[in-house]
């Protein structure tokens, strides 16, 4: 098992959770003009915030992947799903390392 910097991953968990919560609040199709564009803008903003923190983010035809601190998660449903999957895996990983 790859050694995990528990402190850094714990900080990343808090950061990723804040980004995911903000992203989630901006999603949702409300039937209004521009809802799709707002969702894409929210996704781009979340991706930039994650990358600025140091996450590696893949967003292409294969789906979405998020990686940081030896923890990697994927989702074919969207970036929010990949972040949520990363959060679950990261929390389990630092629990194992403690």
N, C-alpha and C. Protein backbone atom coordinates (compact mmCIF):
# COMPACT_ATOMS: atom_id res chain seq x y z
N UNK A 1 0.83 -1.17 0.00
CA UNK A 1 0.00 0.00 0.00
C UNK A 1 0.89 1.24 0.00
N UNK A 2 0.55 2.20 -0.82
CA UNK A 2 1.30 3.43 -0.90
C UNK A 2 1.11 4.24 0.38
N UNK A 3 2.22 4.79 0.90
CA UNK A 3 2.15 5.59 2.11
C UNK A 3 1.40 6.89 1.82
N UNK A 4 0.53 7.27 2.75
CA UNK A 4 -0.31 8.45 2.59
C UNK A 4 0.07 9.49 3.62
N UNK A 5 0.22 10.74 3.18
CA UNK A 5 0.42 11.85 4.10
C UNK A 5 -0.95 12.21 4.66
N UNK A 6 -1.25 11.68 5.85
CA UNK A 6 -2.57 11.80 6.44
C UNK A 6 -2.98 13.26 6.61
N UNK A 7 -2.07 14.09 7.06
CA UNK A 7 -2.39 15.50 7.28
C UNK A 7 -2.77 16.19 5.98
N UNK A 8 -1.99 15.96 4.94
CA UNK A 8 -2.27 16.61 3.65
C UNK A 8 -3.57 16.09 3.05
N UNK A 9 -3.82 14.81 3.15
CA UNK A 9 -5.07 14.26 2.61
C UNK A 9 -6.26 14.78 3.40
N UNK A 10 -6.11 14.94 4.71
CA UNK A 10 -7.19 15.49 5.53
C UNK A 10 -7.51 16.92 5.10
N UNK A 11 -6.49 17.72 4.82
CA UNK A 11 -6.71 19.08 4.33
C UNK A 11 -7.38 19.03 2.96
N UNK A 12 -6.93 18.13 2.11
CA UNK A 12 -7.52 17.99 0.77
C UNK A 12 -8.99 17.56 0.87
N UNK A 13 -9.32 16.72 1.84
CA UNK A 13 -10.70 16.29 2.02
C UNK A 13 -11.58 17.50 2.33
N UNK A 14 -11.14 18.34 3.27
CA UNK A 14 -11.93 19.53 3.60
C UNK A 14 -12.09 20.43 2.38
N UNK A 15 -11.02 20.62 1.64
CA UNK A 15 -11.06 21.47 0.44
C UNK A 15 -11.98 20.88 -0.61
N UNK A 16 -11.83 19.60 -0.90
CA UNK A 16 -12.66 18.94 -1.92
C UNK A 16 -14.13 18.96 -1.51
N UNK A 17 -14.41 18.77 -0.23
CA UNK A 17 -15.80 18.79 0.24
C UNK A 17 -16.41 20.18 0.03
N UNK A 18 -15.66 21.23 0.35
CA UNK A 18 -16.15 22.60 0.13
C UNK A 18 -16.43 22.86 -1.35
N UNK A 19 -15.51 22.41 -2.20
CA UNK A 19 -15.68 22.60 -3.64
C UNK A 19 -16.89 21.81 -4.14
N UNK A 20 -17.02 20.55 -3.69
CA UNK A 20 -18.15 19.71 -4.11
C UNK A 20 -19.48 20.30 -3.64
N UNK A 21 -19.53 20.81 -2.41
CA UNK A 21 -20.77 21.40 -1.90
C UNK A 21 -21.17 22.63 -2.72
N UNK A 22 -20.20 23.47 -3.01
CA UNK A 22 -20.47 24.66 -3.82
C UNK A 22 -20.92 24.28 -5.23
N UNK A 23 -20.24 23.29 -5.80
CA UNK A 23 -20.56 22.79 -7.14
C UNK A 23 -21.96 22.21 -7.16
N UNK A 24 -22.28 21.40 -6.18
CA UNK A 24 -23.59 20.75 -6.10
C UNK A 24 -24.72 21.77 -6.01
N UNK A 25 -24.48 22.84 -5.26
CA UNK A 25 -25.49 23.89 -5.12
C UNK A 25 -25.81 24.58 -6.45
N UNK A 26 -24.85 24.59 -7.36
CA UNK A 26 -25.02 25.28 -8.64
C UNK A 26 -25.60 24.38 -9.72
N UNK A 27 -25.69 23.07 -9.45
CA UNK A 27 -26.20 22.13 -10.44
C UNK A 27 -27.72 22.02 -10.35
N UNK A 28 -28.28 21.42 -11.31
CA UNK A 28 -29.71 21.18 -11.30
C UNK A 28 -30.37 21.95 -12.42
N UNK A 29 -31.16 21.24 -13.16
CA UNK A 29 -31.86 21.86 -14.27
C UNK A 29 -33.19 22.39 -13.75
N UNK A 30 -33.34 23.68 -13.81
CA UNK A 30 -34.57 24.30 -13.32
C UNK A 30 -35.50 24.74 -14.45
N UNK A 31 -35.18 24.37 -15.67
CA UNK A 31 -36.03 24.69 -16.80
C UNK A 31 -35.79 26.08 -17.37
N UNK A 32 -34.94 26.85 -16.74
CA UNK A 32 -34.71 28.21 -17.22
C UNK A 32 -33.68 28.22 -18.33
N UNK A 33 -33.73 29.28 -19.11
CA UNK A 33 -32.71 29.47 -20.13
C UNK A 33 -31.36 29.60 -19.44
N UNK A 34 -30.37 28.94 -19.94
CA UNK A 34 -29.03 29.06 -19.40
C UNK A 34 -28.68 28.07 -18.31
N UNK A 35 -29.63 27.19 -17.90
CA UNK A 35 -29.33 26.23 -16.83
C UNK A 35 -28.18 25.31 -17.23
N UNK A 36 -28.18 24.87 -18.48
CA UNK A 36 -27.11 23.99 -18.96
C UNK A 36 -25.77 24.72 -18.90
N UNK A 37 -25.76 25.96 -19.37
CA UNK A 37 -24.52 26.73 -19.37
C UNK A 37 -24.02 26.99 -17.95
N UNK A 38 -24.93 27.24 -17.02
CA UNK A 38 -24.52 27.45 -15.63
C UNK A 38 -23.88 26.18 -15.06
N UNK A 39 -24.43 25.02 -15.42
CA UNK A 39 -23.85 23.76 -14.97
C UNK A 39 -22.45 23.54 -15.52
N UNK A 40 -22.26 23.87 -16.79
CA UNK A 40 -20.93 23.73 -17.40
C UNK A 40 -19.94 24.71 -16.78
N UNK A 41 -20.40 25.91 -16.48
CA UNK A 41 -19.53 26.90 -15.83
C UNK A 41 -19.16 26.45 -14.42
N UNK A 42 -20.13 25.88 -13.71
CA UNK A 42 -19.86 25.38 -12.36
C UNK A 42 -18.84 24.25 -12.41
N UNK A 43 -18.96 23.37 -13.41
CA UNK A 43 -18.02 22.27 -13.56
C UNK A 43 -16.62 22.78 -13.86
N UNK A 44 -16.52 23.75 -14.75
CA UNK A 44 -15.21 24.32 -15.09
C UNK A 44 -14.59 25.01 -13.88
N UNK A 45 -15.40 25.71 -13.11
CA UNK A 45 -14.91 26.39 -11.91
C UNK A 45 -14.41 25.38 -10.88
N UNK A 46 -15.18 24.31 -10.66
CA UNK A 46 -14.76 23.27 -9.71
C UNK A 46 -13.46 22.62 -10.16
N UNK A 47 -13.36 22.33 -11.45
CA UNK A 47 -12.14 21.72 -11.99
C UNK A 47 -10.93 22.63 -11.74
N UNK A 48 -11.10 23.92 -12.01
CA UNK A 48 -10.00 24.87 -11.80
C UNK A 48 -9.61 24.95 -10.33
N UNK A 49 -10.58 24.96 -9.43
CA UNK A 49 -10.29 25.03 -8.00
C UNK A 49 -9.54 23.78 -7.53
N UNK A 50 -9.97 22.63 -8.00
CA UNK A 50 -9.29 21.38 -7.64
C UNK A 50 -7.85 21.39 -8.14
N UNK A 51 -7.67 21.78 -9.39
CA UNK A 51 -6.31 21.80 -9.97
C UNK A 51 -5.44 22.84 -9.26
N UNK A 52 -6.02 23.98 -8.89
CA UNK A 52 -5.25 25.00 -8.17
C UNK A 52 -4.75 24.46 -6.83
N UNK A 53 -5.53 23.60 -6.20
CA UNK A 53 -5.12 23.01 -4.92
C UNK A 53 -4.03 21.96 -5.13
N UNK A 54 -4.02 21.32 -6.30
CA UNK A 54 -3.01 20.30 -6.57
C UNK A 54 -3.57 18.98 -7.04
N UNK A 55 -4.89 18.89 -7.17
CA UNK A 55 -5.50 17.67 -7.69
C UNK A 55 -5.18 17.53 -9.17
N UNK A 56 -5.11 16.29 -9.62
CA UNK A 56 -5.06 16.00 -11.04
C UNK A 56 -6.48 15.65 -11.44
N UNK A 57 -7.01 16.35 -12.45
CA UNK A 57 -8.39 16.15 -12.88
C UNK A 57 -8.40 15.79 -14.36
N UNK A 58 -9.07 14.69 -14.67
CA UNK A 58 -9.26 14.30 -16.07
C UNK A 58 -10.75 14.41 -16.37
N UNK A 59 -11.05 15.07 -17.46
CA UNK A 59 -12.43 15.29 -17.88
C UNK A 59 -12.45 15.12 -19.40
N UNK A 60 -12.70 13.89 -19.84
CA UNK A 60 -12.69 13.65 -21.27
C UNK A 60 -13.71 12.57 -21.65
N UNK A 61 -13.61 12.05 -22.84
CA UNK A 61 -14.57 11.09 -23.35
C UNK A 61 -14.63 9.79 -22.54
N UNK A 62 -13.60 9.52 -21.74
CA UNK A 62 -13.59 8.31 -20.92
C UNK A 62 -14.29 8.49 -19.59
N UNK A 63 -14.65 9.72 -19.27
CA UNK A 63 -15.28 10.02 -17.99
C UNK A 63 -14.45 11.00 -17.21
N UNK A 64 -14.65 11.02 -15.93
CA UNK A 64 -13.96 11.96 -15.06
C UNK A 64 -13.11 11.19 -14.06
N UNK A 65 -11.95 11.74 -13.74
CA UNK A 65 -11.07 11.14 -12.75
C UNK A 65 -10.47 12.26 -11.91
N UNK A 66 -10.33 11.99 -10.62
CA UNK A 66 -9.74 12.94 -9.68
C UNK A 66 -8.68 12.19 -8.89
N UNK A 67 -7.51 12.80 -8.76
CA UNK A 67 -6.41 12.13 -8.06
C UNK A 67 -5.66 13.15 -7.20
N UNK A 68 -5.33 12.70 -5.98
CA UNK A 68 -4.52 13.53 -5.08
C UNK A 68 -4.04 12.65 -3.94
N UNK A 69 -2.81 12.82 -3.55
CA UNK A 69 -2.29 12.15 -2.36
C UNK A 69 -2.32 10.64 -2.41
N UNK A 70 -2.16 10.06 -3.59
CA UNK A 70 -2.17 8.61 -3.71
C UNK A 70 -3.56 8.01 -3.76
N UNK A 71 -4.58 8.86 -3.85
CA UNK A 71 -5.96 8.39 -3.94
C UNK A 71 -6.52 8.85 -5.28
N UNK A 72 -7.12 7.91 -6.02
CA UNK A 72 -7.68 8.21 -7.33
C UNK A 72 -9.09 7.66 -7.39
N UNK A 73 -10.00 8.44 -7.96
CA UNK A 73 -11.38 8.00 -8.12
C UNK A 73 -11.90 8.44 -9.48
N UNK A 74 -12.83 7.68 -10.01
CA UNK A 74 -13.41 7.97 -11.32
C UNK A 74 -14.93 7.98 -11.25
N UNK A 75 -15.53 8.53 -12.29
CA UNK A 75 -16.98 8.49 -12.44
C UNK A 75 -17.32 8.82 -13.89
N UNK A 76 -18.19 8.05 -14.47
CA UNK A 76 -18.63 8.35 -15.83
C UNK A 76 -19.81 9.31 -15.83
N UNK A 77 -20.35 9.63 -14.66
CA UNK A 77 -21.52 10.49 -14.58
C UNK A 77 -21.22 11.96 -14.44
N UNK A 78 -19.97 12.31 -14.18
CA UNK A 78 -19.65 13.72 -14.05
C UNK A 78 -18.57 13.98 -13.02
N UNK A 79 -18.09 15.20 -13.02
CA UNK A 79 -17.02 15.59 -12.11
C UNK A 79 -17.45 15.51 -10.65
N UNK A 80 -18.67 15.92 -10.35
CA UNK A 80 -19.14 15.85 -8.97
C UNK A 80 -19.10 14.42 -8.44
N UNK A 81 -19.50 13.47 -9.26
CA UNK A 81 -19.44 12.07 -8.85
C UNK A 81 -18.02 11.61 -8.59
N UNK A 82 -17.08 12.04 -9.43
CA UNK A 82 -15.68 11.67 -9.23
C UNK A 82 -15.15 12.26 -7.92
N UNK A 83 -15.53 13.50 -7.62
CA UNK A 83 -15.08 14.13 -6.38
C UNK A 83 -15.69 13.40 -5.17
N UNK A 84 -16.97 13.09 -5.25
CA UNK A 84 -17.62 12.37 -4.15
C UNK A 84 -17.00 10.99 -3.95
N UNK A 85 -16.67 10.30 -5.05
CA UNK A 85 -16.00 9.00 -4.94
C UNK A 85 -14.61 9.16 -4.33
N UNK A 86 -13.90 10.24 -4.73
CA UNK A 86 -12.58 10.49 -4.17
C UNK A 86 -12.69 10.74 -2.66
N UNK A 87 -13.68 11.50 -2.25
CA UNK A 87 -13.87 11.78 -0.83
C UNK A 87 -14.04 10.48 -0.03
N UNK A 88 -14.88 9.58 -0.53
CA UNK A 88 -15.10 8.31 0.17
C UNK A 88 -13.80 7.50 0.27
N UNK A 89 -13.08 7.43 -0.85
CA UNK A 89 -11.83 6.65 -0.86
C UNK A 89 -10.77 7.29 0.03
N UNK A 90 -10.67 8.62 0.00
CA UNK A 90 -9.67 9.31 0.80
C UNK A 90 -9.96 9.15 2.28
N UNK A 91 -11.22 9.27 2.66
CA UNK A 91 -11.57 9.09 4.08
C UNK A 91 -11.26 7.67 4.54
N UNK A 92 -11.53 6.70 3.70
CA UNK A 92 -11.20 5.31 4.04
C UNK A 92 -9.69 5.13 4.13
N UNK A 93 -8.96 5.74 3.22
CA UNK A 93 -7.50 5.59 3.18
C UNK A 93 -6.85 6.18 4.42
N UNK A 94 -7.27 7.37 4.84
CA UNK A 94 -6.63 7.95 6.02
C UNK A 94 -7.10 7.24 7.28
N UNK A 95 -8.28 6.65 7.24
CA UNK A 95 -8.72 5.83 8.36
C UNK A 95 -7.84 4.60 8.51
N UNK A 96 -7.44 4.02 7.38
CA UNK A 96 -6.55 2.87 7.39
C UNK A 96 -5.14 3.24 7.84
N UNK A 97 -4.72 4.47 7.54
CA UNK A 97 -3.37 4.92 7.86
C UNK A 97 -3.23 5.35 9.31
N UNK A 98 -4.35 5.63 9.95
CA UNK A 98 -4.29 6.12 11.34
C UNK A 98 -3.98 5.02 12.33
